[in-house]
């Protein structure tokens, strides 16, 4: 029932998912403590009983927990470095879940085995171990309920059954208490997960709005600065860069003739074309009404910068279809670079803007521009 409730909510946004999976990386210290306590209680039970099954469970538990710790430390490094994408998070979570749930099952089996042995003096230590482990599960993995719920059931369930099978009213009451604690833990998991997932999703959504242009979905100036900062952190691996400042030549007549809704649709179409046709390593942003910036990565020469500027102009000169109207507009591009990734972004943008104004002046004086301005409008509705 609980798993059905969680699965019916649908997939989480990638940002929310990565953050919730990243919460597992903070469980390293509790995992170390639980490994030590499991080893202590298991070793004590083995010393008192000499039971072969306990020995096997103890070795399996320690090995499984050591593997879980190894996975945790690796995942923490990726999460702290910001390299945990949704795909990486899924791989990490699958590995973590396998060892985590496996350890929970071993804890439950070891506890049930101790209760079945004629060693009543160990009932309290093993009970404390299981209850403490269950509390740790609820505290550290509640945001990943498909891991937490099986772990609770597999760790507490066998102990509750073993205690229930023992004679005496005391054991029956103890079993009822364990089951009640298990039910309360599952309920707490449900409430905490739903609340935290909603809060994280909302925060991620607001973060996206703050860093993306509301109309086109491209980066805004803030996100452009942050993305450039990430390039600087990457250092020499990214090579040289260039900045291209783009200004649409014939955009105002679109608003005047077809209306602002058509102008907005044209801006979205331009953004879609830039997203789809620029290389994955390039960074694209809208920083003004009809102004865009492209940071070109992997630049090796001035010729690369000039070729990129020409390609951008040609790309945006091809007609767009807006509300069944094929519209052709022009674009001017000013460029600065190549430069190292430790260059100042504002300085490069100013240089590119100066080149842009020079480029627009050249186009205005060209014969082609004169022919265009001889018409009543600058927009060409094909």
Protein backbone atom coordinates (compact mmCIF):
# COMPACT_ATOMS: atom_id res chain seq x y z
CA UNK A 1 0.00 0.00 0.00
CA UNK A 2 2.77 2.43 0.96
CA UNK A 3 4.83 1.76 -2.17
CA UNK A 4 1.75 2.25 -4.35
CA UNK A 5 1.15 5.65 -2.79
CA UNK A 6 4.66 6.80 -3.58
CA UNK A 7 4.74 5.46 -7.14
CA UNK A 8 1.43 6.97 -8.16
CA UNK A 9 2.83 10.49 -7.68
CA UNK A 10 4.66 10.31 -11.00
CA UNK A 11 8.30 11.07 -11.79
CA UNK A 12 10.05 13.88 -9.96
CA UNK A 13 11.78 16.73 -11.81
CA UNK A 14 15.47 15.94 -12.34
CA UNK A 15 16.65 18.68 -10.01
CA UNK A 16 14.38 17.49 -7.21
CA UNK A 17 15.37 13.87 -7.78
CA UNK A 18 19.11 14.60 -7.65
CA UNK A 19 18.72 16.62 -4.45
CA UNK A 20 16.67 13.90 -2.74
CA UNK A 21 19.15 11.21 -3.77
CA UNK A 22 21.96 13.49 -2.62
CA UNK A 23 20.43 13.44 0.86
CA UNK A 24 21.57 9.81 1.10
CA UNK A 25 25.18 11.01 0.98
CA UNK A 26 24.79 12.60 4.41
CA UNK A 27 24.26 9.18 6.02
CA UNK A 28 27.95 8.29 6.22
CA UNK A 29 28.40 8.87 9.96
CA UNK A 30 25.18 7.02 10.93
CA UNK A 31 26.29 4.17 8.65
CA UNK A 32 29.67 3.96 10.39
CA UNK A 33 28.01 3.98 13.83
CA UNK A 34 25.48 1.30 12.84
CA UNK A 35 28.24 -0.88 11.39
CA UNK A 36 30.15 -0.65 14.67
CA UNK A 37 27.05 -1.44 16.78
CA UNK A 38 26.07 -4.34 14.52
CA UNK A 39 29.59 -5.76 14.81
CA UNK A 40 29.59 -5.31 18.59
CA UNK A 41 26.20 -6.98 19.22
CA UNK A 42 26.80 -9.69 16.63
CA UNK A 43 30.24 -10.51 18.03
CA UNK A 44 28.84 -10.71 21.56
CA UNK A 45 26.08 -13.07 20.44
CA UNK A 46 28.60 -15.21 18.56
CA UNK A 47 30.92 -15.40 21.58
CA UNK A 48 28.07 -16.51 23.85
CA UNK A 49 26.54 -19.02 21.42
CA UNK A 50 29.16 -20.13 18.92
CA UNK A 51 26.29 -20.41 16.43
CA UNK A 52 27.44 -20.97 12.83
CA UNK A 53 24.45 -19.13 11.36
CA UNK A 54 25.19 -16.08 13.50
CA UNK A 55 28.79 -16.18 12.32
CA UNK A 56 27.65 -16.23 8.69
CA UNK A 57 25.21 -13.36 9.23
CA UNK A 58 27.86 -11.34 11.05
CA UNK A 59 30.38 -11.69 8.20
CA UNK A 60 27.73 -10.92 5.57
CA UNK A 61 26.52 -7.87 7.51
CA UNK A 62 29.96 -6.36 7.96
CA UNK A 63 30.84 -6.97 4.30
CA UNK A 64 27.56 -5.50 3.05
CA UNK A 65 27.89 -2.43 5.26
CA UNK A 66 31.49 -1.87 4.13
CA UNK A 67 30.32 -1.89 0.50
CA UNK A 68 27.58 0.58 1.37
CA UNK A 69 30.13 2.92 2.98
CA UNK A 70 32.38 2.71 -0.09
CA UNK A 71 29.43 3.68 -2.32
CA UNK A 72 28.46 6.51 0.03
CA UNK A 73 31.89 8.13 0.05
CA UNK A 74 32.08 7.97 -3.75
CA UNK A 75 28.61 9.45 -4.13
CA UNK A 76 29.41 12.24 -1.70
CA UNK A 77 32.41 13.32 -3.77
CA UNK A 78 30.28 13.50 -6.91
CA UNK A 79 27.47 15.38 -5.18
CA UNK A 80 29.81 17.94 -3.62
CA UNK A 81 31.54 18.47 -6.97
CA UNK A 82 28.19 19.13 -8.65
CA UNK A 83 28.74 16.28 -11.12
CA UNK A 84 25.78 14.17 -9.98
CA UNK A 85 23.40 14.32 -12.93
CA UNK A 86 20.06 12.51 -12.90
CA UNK A 87 21.61 9.53 -14.71
CA UNK A 88 24.52 9.36 -12.24
CA UNK A 89 22.07 9.69 -9.35
CA UNK A 90 20.03 6.74 -10.61
CA UNK A 91 23.11 4.51 -10.79
CA UNK A 92 24.25 5.60 -7.35
CA UNK A 93 20.79 5.04 -5.87
CA UNK A 94 20.46 1.55 -7.34
CA UNK A 95 23.81 0.48 -5.88
CA UNK A 96 23.11 2.11 -2.54
CA UNK A 97 19.61 0.59 -2.31
CA UNK A 98 20.87 -2.93 -2.97
CA UNK A 99 23.42 -2.89 -0.15
CA UNK A 100 21.24 -0.85 2.21
CA UNK A 101 18.22 -3.16 1.93
CA UNK A 102 20.51 -6.18 2.05
CA UNK A 103 22.02 -4.98 5.32
CA UNK A 104 18.53 -4.38 6.75
CA UNK A 105 17.56 -7.97 5.97
CA UNK A 106 20.72 -9.25 7.65
CA UNK A 107 20.00 -7.14 10.76
CA UNK A 108 16.50 -8.61 10.93
CA UNK A 109 17.69 -12.19 10.48
CA UNK A 110 20.45 -11.83 13.06
CA UNK A 111 18.00 -10.39 15.59
CA UNK A 112 15.49 -13.18 14.99
CA UNK A 113 18.22 -15.79 15.32
CA UNK A 114 19.41 -14.36 18.65
CA UNK A 115 15.84 -14.39 20.02
CA UNK A 116 15.47 -18.03 18.95
CA UNK A 117 18.61 -19.05 20.84
CA UNK A 118 18.46 -19.79 24.58
CA UNK A 119 20.30 -16.57 25.44
CA UNK A 120 17.79 -14.27 27.19
CA UNK A 121 20.58 -11.93 28.34
CA UNK A 122 21.03 -10.86 24.69
CA UNK A 123 17.38 -9.97 24.12
CA UNK A 124 17.86 -6.38 25.29
CA UNK A 125 21.03 -5.61 23.24
CA UNK A 126 19.55 -7.03 20.07
CA UNK A 127 16.26 -5.21 20.66
CA UNK A 128 18.10 -1.92 21.12
CA UNK A 129 20.11 -2.61 17.95
CA UNK A 130 17.01 -3.15 15.83
CA UNK A 131 15.02 -0.23 17.26
CA UNK A 132 18.02 2.05 16.88
CA UNK A 133 18.53 0.88 13.32
CA UNK A 134 14.87 1.49 12.48
CA UNK A 135 15.07 4.99 13.95
CA UNK A 136 18.15 5.63 11.83
CA UNK A 137 16.35 4.45 8.70
CA UNK A 138 13.44 6.80 9.36
CA UNK A 139 15.80 9.71 10.03
CA UNK A 140 18.28 9.26 7.16
CA UNK A 141 16.45 7.64 4.23
CA UNK A 142 12.90 8.94 4.61
CA UNK A 143 13.30 10.99 1.41
CA UNK A 144 13.79 7.76 -0.57
CA UNK A 145 10.79 5.73 0.66
CA UNK A 146 11.31 2.83 -1.73
CA UNK A 147 14.57 2.22 0.18
CA UNK A 148 13.33 3.08 3.67
CA UNK A 149 10.12 1.05 3.67
CA UNK A 150 11.62 -2.36 2.71
CA UNK A 151 14.48 -1.69 5.12
CA UNK A 152 12.09 -1.10 8.02
CA UNK A 153 9.99 -4.14 7.20
CA UNK A 154 13.01 -6.44 6.77
CA UNK A 155 14.76 -5.28 9.94
CA UNK A 156 11.84 -5.02 12.37
CA UNK A 157 9.53 -7.68 10.93
CA UNK A 158 11.65 -10.79 11.66
CA UNK A 159 12.32 -9.61 15.23
CA UNK A 160 8.62 -8.98 15.87
CA UNK A 161 7.71 -12.45 14.56
CA UNK A 162 10.45 -14.12 16.60
CA UNK A 163 9.38 -12.31 19.79
CA UNK A 164 5.71 -13.16 19.16
CA UNK A 165 6.56 -16.86 18.94
CA UNK A 166 8.20 -16.85 22.37
CA UNK A 167 5.99 -17.93 25.29
CA UNK A 168 4.80 -15.43 27.88
CA UNK A 169 2.68 -12.30 27.97
CA UNK A 170 5.78 -10.09 28.07
CA UNK A 171 6.87 -11.29 24.65
CA UNK A 172 3.42 -10.71 23.20
CA UNK A 173 3.39 -7.14 24.50
CA UNK A 174 6.90 -6.58 23.14
CA UNK A 175 5.80 -7.83 19.69
CA UNK A 176 2.80 -5.49 19.71
CA UNK A 177 5.07 -2.57 20.63
CA UNK A 178 7.45 -3.39 17.79
CA UNK A 179 4.60 -3.57 15.29
CA UNK A 180 3.15 -0.30 16.55
CA UNK A 181 6.53 1.42 16.24
CA UNK A 182 6.89 0.02 12.72
CA UNK A 183 3.47 1.35 11.70
CA UNK A 184 4.25 4.75 13.18
CA UNK A 185 7.56 4.87 11.35
CA UNK A 186 5.92 4.08 8.03
CA UNK A 187 3.34 6.81 8.62
CA UNK A 188 6.06 9.30 9.49
CA UNK A 189 7.94 8.36 6.32
CA UNK A 190 4.88 9.08 4.22
CA UNK A 191 4.31 12.53 5.66
CA UNK A 192 7.95 13.58 5.61
CA UNK A 193 8.55 12.43 2.05
CA UNK A 194 5.49 14.15 0.61
CA UNK A 195 6.26 17.39 2.42
CA UNK A 196 9.96 17.48 1.54
CA UNK A 197 9.43 16.47 -2.10
CA UNK A 198 6.90 19.29 -2.54
CA UNK A 199 9.19 21.85 -0.89
CA UNK A 200 12.22 20.76 -2.90
CA UNK A 201 10.29 20.81 -6.17
CA UNK A 202 8.98 24.31 -5.44
CA UNK A 203 12.45 25.57 -4.53
CA UNK A 204 13.93 24.04 -7.67
CA UNK A 205 11.18 25.64 -9.76
CA UNK A 206 11.81 29.07 -8.25
CA UNK A 207 15.53 28.59 -8.83
CA UNK A 208 14.86 27.82 -12.48
CA UNK A 209 12.66 30.92 -12.83
CA UNK A 210 15.34 33.09 -11.28
CA UNK A 211 17.96 31.85 -13.74
CA UNK A 212 16.04 31.51 -16.99
CA UNK A 213 14.37 33.97 -19.28
CA UNK A 214 10.63 33.61 -18.71
CA UNK A 215 9.76 33.88 -22.40
CA UNK A 216 12.36 31.76 -24.20
CA UNK A 217 13.65 29.48 -21.44
CA UNK A 218 17.23 30.46 -22.26
CA UNK A 219 19.66 31.54 -19.56
CA UNK A 220 19.24 35.09 -18.28
CA UNK A 221 22.14 37.34 -17.30
CA UNK A 222 22.45 35.79 -13.83
CA UNK A 223 22.60 32.24 -15.18
CA UNK A 224 25.00 33.33 -17.93
CA UNK A 225 27.40 34.65 -15.27
CA UNK A 226 27.07 31.44 -13.25
CA UNK A 227 27.65 29.26 -16.32
CA UNK A 228 30.73 31.31 -17.20
CA UNK A 229 31.94 30.81 -13.64
CA UNK A 230 31.64 27.05 -14.10
CA UNK A 231 33.75 27.32 -17.25
CA UNK A 232 36.40 29.18 -15.28
CA UNK A 233 36.40 26.43 -12.65
CA UNK A 234 36.89 23.85 -15.39
CA UNK A 235 40.02 25.79 -16.41
CA UNK A 236 42.23 24.62 -19.23
CA UNK A 237 39.99 21.65 -20.02
CA UNK A 238 37.63 24.00 -21.89
CA UNK A 239 40.36 25.68 -23.97
CA UNK A 240 39.74 29.20 -25.26
CA UNK A 241 36.37 30.90 -25.54
CA UNK A 242 34.68 33.70 -27.47
CA UNK A 243 31.64 35.87 -26.77
CA UNK A 244 29.13 36.69 -29.51
CA UNK A 245 26.62 39.50 -28.98
CA UNK A 246 23.54 39.14 -31.21
CA UNK A 247 21.03 41.87 -32.03
CA UNK A 248 18.05 41.26 -34.31
CA UNK A 249 17.93 43.82 -37.14
CA UNK A 250 14.28 43.77 -38.14
CA UNK A 251 12.45 42.82 -34.96
CA UNK A 252 10.46 45.97 -34.18
CA UNK A 253 8.32 45.81 -37.35
CA UNK A 254 7.19 42.32 -36.29
CA UNK A 255 5.58 43.80 -33.18
CA UNK A 256 4.22 46.76 -35.16
CA UNK A 257 2.65 44.71 -37.94
CA UNK A 258 1.75 41.38 -36.34
CA UNK A 259 1.46 42.30 -32.67
CA UNK A 260 3.45 41.57 -29.56
CA UNK A 261 2.20 37.98 -29.31
CA UNK A 262 3.73 37.29 -32.70
CA UNK A 263 6.92 39.01 -31.57
CA UNK A 264 7.05 36.78 -28.50
CA UNK A 265 6.48 33.71 -30.66
CA UNK A 266 9.33 34.80 -32.94
CA UNK A 267 11.68 35.19 -29.98
CA UNK A 268 10.78 31.69 -28.82
CA UNK A 269 11.43 30.34 -32.32
CA UNK A 270 14.83 32.05 -32.38
CA UNK A 271 15.68 30.55 -29.00
CA UNK A 272 14.63 27.09 -30.18
CA UNK A 273 16.85 27.40 -33.24
CA UNK A 274 19.84 28.49 -31.17
CA UNK A 275 19.28 25.61 -28.74
CA UNK A 276 18.94 23.00 -31.46
CA UNK A 277 21.71 24.11 -33.81
CA UNK A 278 24.48 25.28 -31.50
CA UNK A 279 26.95 22.73 -30.10
CA UNK A 280 26.21 21.32 -26.67
CA UNK A 281 29.22 23.06 -25.11
CA UNK A 282 28.11 26.57 -26.11
CA UNK A 283 26.19 28.74 -23.64
CA UNK A 284 23.25 30.79 -24.88
CA UNK A 285 21.36 33.56 -23.06
CA UNK A 286 18.77 36.23 -23.75
CA UNK A 287 19.84 39.42 -22.01
CA UNK A 288 17.45 41.98 -23.47
CA UNK A 289 14.38 42.43 -25.63
CA UNK A 290 15.91 41.18 -28.89
CA UNK A 291 19.48 40.72 -27.72
CA UNK A 292 21.18 37.37 -27.20
CA UNK A 293 24.65 36.28 -26.11
CA UNK A 294 26.45 33.09 -27.11
CA UNK A 295 29.62 31.93 -25.36
CA UNK A 296 31.55 29.77 -27.80
CA UNK A 297 33.76 27.10 -26.21
CA UNK A 298 36.63 25.09 -27.66
CA UNK A 299 37.97 28.04 -29.70
CA UNK A 300 41.39 27.53 -31.23
CA UNK A 301 41.90 30.63 -33.43
CA UNK A 302 40.53 33.99 -34.57
CA UNK A 303 39.25 32.22 -37.67
CA UNK A 304 37.00 30.07 -35.46
CA UNK A 305 35.49 33.20 -33.92
CA UNK A 306 34.84 34.86 -37.29
CA UNK A 307 33.36 31.69 -38.76
CA UNK A 308 31.06 31.32 -35.78
CA UNK A 309 29.79 34.89 -36.13
CA UNK A 310 29.01 34.36 -39.81
CA UNK A 311 27.26 31.08 -39.07
CA UNK A 312 25.11 32.78 -36.41
CA UNK A 313 24.06 35.48 -38.87
CA UNK A 314 23.22 32.90 -41.54
CA UNK A 315 21.36 30.75 -39.00
CA UNK A 316 19.11 33.62 -37.96
CA UNK A 317 18.62 34.90 -41.50
CA UNK A 318 16.69 31.79 -42.49
CA UNK A 319 12.91 32.35 -42.39
CA UNK A 320 10.88 31.55 -39.28
CA UNK A 321 7.24 30.47 -39.28
CA UNK A 322 5.11 32.40 -36.82
CA UNK A 323 1.33 31.96 -36.72
CA UNK A 324 1.40 30.51 -40.25
CA UNK A 325 3.45 33.52 -41.45
CA UNK A 326 6.97 32.80 -42.77
CA UNK A 327 9.04 35.75 -41.55
CA UNK A 328 12.63 36.57 -42.48
CA UNK A 329 14.58 38.97 -40.30
CA UNK A 330 18.27 39.78 -40.06
CA UNK A 331 20.73 39.63 -37.21
CA UNK A 332 24.00 41.39 -36.53
CA UNK A 333 26.72 39.72 -34.51
CA UNK A 334 29.61 41.30 -32.68
CA UNK A 335 32.33 39.07 -31.29
CA UNK A 336 35.24 39.21 -28.87
CA UNK A 337 37.90 36.57 -28.43
CA UNK A 338 39.49 34.16 -28.44
CA UNK A 339 40.33 34.55 -24.77
CA UNK A 340 41.23 32.31 -21.89
CA UNK A 341 38.47 31.17 -19.59
CA UNK A 342 39.83 33.37 -16.79
CA UNK A 343 38.98 36.50 -18.79
CA UNK A 344 36.43 38.98 -17.43
CA UNK A 345 32.98 38.25 -18.87
CA UNK A 346 31.72 41.85 -18.63
CA UNK A 347 34.80 43.11 -20.44
CA UNK A 348 34.34 40.55 -23.22
CA UNK A 349 30.66 41.45 -23.56
CA UNK A 350 31.53 45.15 -23.85
CA UNK A 351 34.06 44.36 -26.56
CA UNK A 352 31.51 42.23 -28.39
CA UNK A 353 28.90 45.00 -28.07
CA UNK A 354 31.34 47.50 -29.61
CA UNK A 355 31.96 45.11 -32.50
CA UNK A 356 28.21 44.69 -32.85
CA UNK A 357 27.63 48.42 -33.25
CA UNK A 358 30.41 48.56 -35.82
CA UNK A 359 28.88 45.61 -37.65
CA UNK A 360 25.43 47.23 -37.73
CA UNK A 361 26.92 50.45 -39.07
CA UNK A 362 28.62 48.51 -41.87
CA UNK A 363 25.38 46.78 -42.77
CA UNK A 364 23.46 50.06 -42.85
CA UNK A 365 25.90 51.44 -45.38
CA UNK A 366 25.78 48.37 -47.58
CA UNK A 367 23.83 48.24 -50.81
CA UNK A 368 21.71 45.35 -49.53
CA UNK A 369 20.55 47.33 -46.53
CA UNK A 370 19.77 50.32 -48.75
CA UNK A 371 17.57 48.12 -50.93
CA UNK A 372 15.72 46.83 -47.89
CA UNK A 373 15.11 50.34 -46.48
CA UNK A 374 13.74 51.49 -49.79
CA UNK A 375 10.56 49.54 -48.92
CA UNK A 376 7.91 50.75 -46.51
CA UNK A 377 8.97 48.26 -43.82
CA UNK A 378 12.05 46.36 -42.77
CA UNK A 379 10.14 43.13 -42.19
CA UNK A 380 9.71 40.73 -45.06
CA UNK A 381 6.61 38.62 -44.71
CA UNK A 382 7.07 35.90 -47.32
